[in-house]
N, C-alpha and C. Protein backbone atom coordinates (compact mmCIF):
# COMPACT_ATOMS: atom_id res chain seq x y z
N MET A 1 17.20 -26.32 -26.49
CA MET A 1 16.37 -25.99 -25.32
C MET A 1 17.22 -25.77 -24.06
N PRO A 2 18.26 -26.60 -23.82
CA PRO A 2 19.06 -26.38 -22.65
C PRO A 2 19.81 -25.06 -22.74
N ALA A 3 20.15 -24.61 -23.88
CA ALA A 3 20.88 -23.32 -24.03
C ALA A 3 19.91 -22.18 -23.63
N LEU A 4 18.68 -22.29 -24.04
CA LEU A 4 17.68 -21.30 -23.70
C LEU A 4 17.42 -21.29 -22.19
N LEU A 5 17.36 -22.43 -21.54
CA LEU A 5 17.16 -22.45 -20.13
C LEU A 5 18.35 -21.85 -19.39
N SER A 6 19.57 -22.17 -19.83
CA SER A 6 20.74 -21.63 -19.13
C SER A 6 20.80 -20.13 -19.34
N TYR A 7 20.43 -19.60 -20.52
CA TYR A 7 20.37 -18.20 -20.76
C TYR A 7 19.38 -17.50 -19.83
N LEU A 8 18.20 -18.08 -19.77
CA LEU A 8 17.12 -17.51 -18.91
C LEU A 8 17.52 -17.52 -17.44
N THR A 9 18.17 -18.62 -17.04
CA THR A 9 18.62 -18.71 -15.62
C THR A 9 19.67 -17.68 -15.35
N ALA A 10 20.60 -17.47 -16.28
CA ALA A 10 21.64 -16.44 -16.04
C ALA A 10 21.02 -15.03 -16.07
N GLU A 11 20.08 -14.78 -16.90
CA GLU A 11 19.42 -13.51 -17.02
C GLU A 11 18.64 -13.19 -15.72
N ILE A 12 17.90 -14.18 -15.21
CA ILE A 12 17.19 -14.01 -13.95
C ILE A 12 18.13 -13.75 -12.79
N ARG A 13 19.24 -14.48 -12.73
CA ARG A 13 20.20 -14.25 -11.70
C ARG A 13 20.78 -12.87 -11.72
N HIS A 14 21.08 -12.43 -12.95
CA HIS A 14 21.66 -11.08 -13.15
C HIS A 14 20.67 -10.00 -12.71
N ARG A 15 19.42 -10.12 -13.14
CA ARG A 15 18.41 -9.15 -12.74
C ARG A 15 18.14 -9.18 -11.26
N TRP A 16 18.07 -10.38 -10.62
CA TRP A 16 17.84 -10.48 -9.22
C TRP A 16 18.95 -9.80 -8.44
N LYS A 17 20.21 -9.99 -8.85
CA LYS A 17 21.35 -9.37 -8.20
C LYS A 17 21.25 -7.85 -8.32
N ALA A 18 20.81 -7.34 -9.50
CA ALA A 18 20.70 -5.89 -9.72
C ALA A 18 19.59 -5.36 -8.77
N VAL A 19 18.52 -6.07 -8.62
CA VAL A 19 17.43 -5.63 -7.69
C VAL A 19 17.91 -5.60 -6.27
N ARG A 20 18.60 -6.65 -5.86
CA ARG A 20 19.03 -6.74 -4.46
C ARG A 20 20.16 -5.73 -4.14
N ASP A 21 20.92 -5.31 -5.16
CA ASP A 21 22.03 -4.35 -4.90
C ASP A 21 21.56 -2.91 -4.79
N THR A 22 20.33 -2.64 -5.19
CA THR A 22 19.85 -1.24 -5.05
C THR A 22 19.55 -0.95 -3.64
N LYS A 23 19.94 0.28 -3.23
CA LYS A 23 19.71 0.69 -1.83
C LYS A 23 18.31 1.09 -1.54
N ASP A 24 17.55 1.54 -2.53
CA ASP A 24 16.19 2.04 -2.27
C ASP A 24 15.12 1.02 -2.74
N GLY A 25 15.49 -0.21 -2.87
CA GLY A 25 14.58 -1.23 -3.32
C GLY A 25 13.36 -1.42 -2.39
N GLY A 26 13.54 -1.29 -1.14
CA GLY A 26 12.40 -1.50 -0.20
C GLY A 26 11.67 -0.20 0.09
N TYR A 27 12.22 0.92 -0.33
CA TYR A 27 11.59 2.18 0.00
C TYR A 27 10.21 2.30 -0.62
N SER A 28 10.09 1.89 -1.87
CA SER A 28 8.79 2.07 -2.52
C SER A 28 7.74 1.21 -1.84
N THR A 29 8.07 0.02 -1.45
CA THR A 29 7.15 -0.87 -0.78
C THR A 29 6.76 -0.24 0.55
N GLU A 30 7.75 0.22 1.30
CA GLU A 30 7.47 0.85 2.61
C GLU A 30 6.62 2.09 2.43
N ALA A 31 6.83 2.91 1.45
CA ALA A 31 6.03 4.06 1.21
C ALA A 31 4.63 3.72 0.84
N VAL A 32 4.40 2.67 0.06
CA VAL A 32 3.07 2.25 -0.29
C VAL A 32 2.32 1.74 0.97
N LEU A 33 2.98 0.98 1.81
CA LEU A 33 2.34 0.49 3.00
C LEU A 33 1.97 1.62 3.96
N VAL A 34 2.85 2.55 4.15
CA VAL A 34 2.55 3.67 5.02
C VAL A 34 1.43 4.48 4.49
N THR A 35 1.42 4.72 3.18
CA THR A 35 0.31 5.49 2.59
C THR A 35 -1.04 4.75 2.70
N ALA A 36 -0.99 3.46 2.49
CA ALA A 36 -2.21 2.66 2.65
C ALA A 36 -2.73 2.75 4.07
N LEU A 37 -1.81 2.64 5.04
CA LEU A 37 -2.21 2.73 6.45
C LEU A 37 -2.84 4.09 6.75
N LEU A 38 -2.25 5.19 6.23
CA LEU A 38 -2.81 6.50 6.47
C LEU A 38 -4.18 6.65 5.80
N VAL A 39 -4.37 6.08 4.64
CA VAL A 39 -5.64 6.13 4.03
C VAL A 39 -6.74 5.38 4.83
N VAL A 40 -6.34 4.22 5.33
CA VAL A 40 -7.28 3.46 6.16
C VAL A 40 -7.66 4.22 7.44
N LEU A 41 -6.64 4.85 8.08
CA LEU A 41 -6.94 5.70 9.27
C LEU A 41 -7.85 6.85 8.93
N ALA A 42 -7.57 7.51 7.82
CA ALA A 42 -8.35 8.67 7.36
C ALA A 42 -9.84 8.21 7.19
N ILE A 43 -10.08 7.10 6.50
CA ILE A 43 -11.41 6.56 6.25
C ILE A 43 -12.09 6.28 7.60
N ALA A 44 -11.34 5.73 8.52
CA ALA A 44 -11.94 5.40 9.84
C ALA A 44 -12.32 6.67 10.55
N VAL A 45 -11.49 7.69 10.51
CA VAL A 45 -11.81 8.97 11.18
C VAL A 45 -13.03 9.61 10.51
N ILE A 46 -13.12 9.57 9.21
CA ILE A 46 -14.26 10.17 8.54
C ILE A 46 -15.51 9.42 8.90
N ALA A 47 -15.46 8.11 8.98
CA ALA A 47 -16.63 7.33 9.36
C ALA A 47 -17.09 7.65 10.80
N ILE A 48 -16.15 7.77 11.71
CA ILE A 48 -16.50 8.12 13.10
C ILE A 48 -17.15 9.49 13.13
N ILE A 49 -16.55 10.47 12.47
CA ILE A 49 -17.14 11.84 12.45
C ILE A 49 -18.49 11.87 11.83
N ALA A 50 -18.68 11.11 10.71
CA ALA A 50 -19.96 11.12 10.06
C ALA A 50 -21.00 10.46 10.94
N THR A 51 -20.65 9.39 11.64
CA THR A 51 -21.62 8.80 12.59
C THR A 51 -22.02 9.79 13.70
N LYS A 52 -21.05 10.47 14.26
CA LYS A 52 -21.40 11.42 15.34
C LYS A 52 -22.25 12.57 14.81
N VAL A 53 -21.91 13.07 13.66
CA VAL A 53 -22.68 14.23 13.14
C VAL A 53 -24.08 13.77 12.79
N THR A 54 -24.22 12.61 12.22
CA THR A 54 -25.56 12.12 11.89
C THR A 54 -26.38 11.79 13.17
N GLY A 55 -25.73 11.31 14.18
CA GLY A 55 -26.43 11.05 15.45
C GLY A 55 -26.84 12.37 16.08
N LYS A 56 -26.01 13.39 16.07
CA LYS A 56 -26.30 14.70 16.64
C LYS A 56 -27.46 15.32 15.82
N ALA A 57 -27.42 15.20 14.50
CA ALA A 57 -28.41 15.82 13.65
C ALA A 57 -29.81 15.13 13.86
N ASN A 58 -29.77 13.83 14.08
CA ASN A 58 -30.99 13.09 14.30
C ASN A 58 -31.58 13.45 15.69
N SER A 59 -30.79 13.89 16.62
CA SER A 59 -31.28 14.16 17.98
C SER A 59 -31.87 15.56 18.07
N ILE A 60 -31.78 16.36 17.06
CA ILE A 60 -32.32 17.75 17.06
C ILE A 60 -33.88 17.62 16.97
N ASN A 61 -34.54 18.30 17.93
CA ASN A 61 -35.97 18.28 17.91
C ASN A 61 -36.47 19.51 17.16
N LEU A 62 -37.19 19.24 16.08
CA LEU A 62 -37.69 20.31 15.19
C LEU A 62 -39.15 20.66 15.52
N GLY A 63 -39.79 20.02 16.35
CA GLY A 63 -41.17 20.32 16.58
C GLY A 63 -41.52 20.41 17.97
């Protein structure tokens, strides 16, 4: 069992070092966050426009 634990510890350290050494490791996270922010802003703009259009349509006097 101790041999297995030491192997797993060494493997985790090796993989962690490989992840930290990559230059673009944080890019994907940053891209996801920026994309999510843009999606939220787009949904907010659509909601505002829909509210204004609905309000204007309801104010039209048809009779």
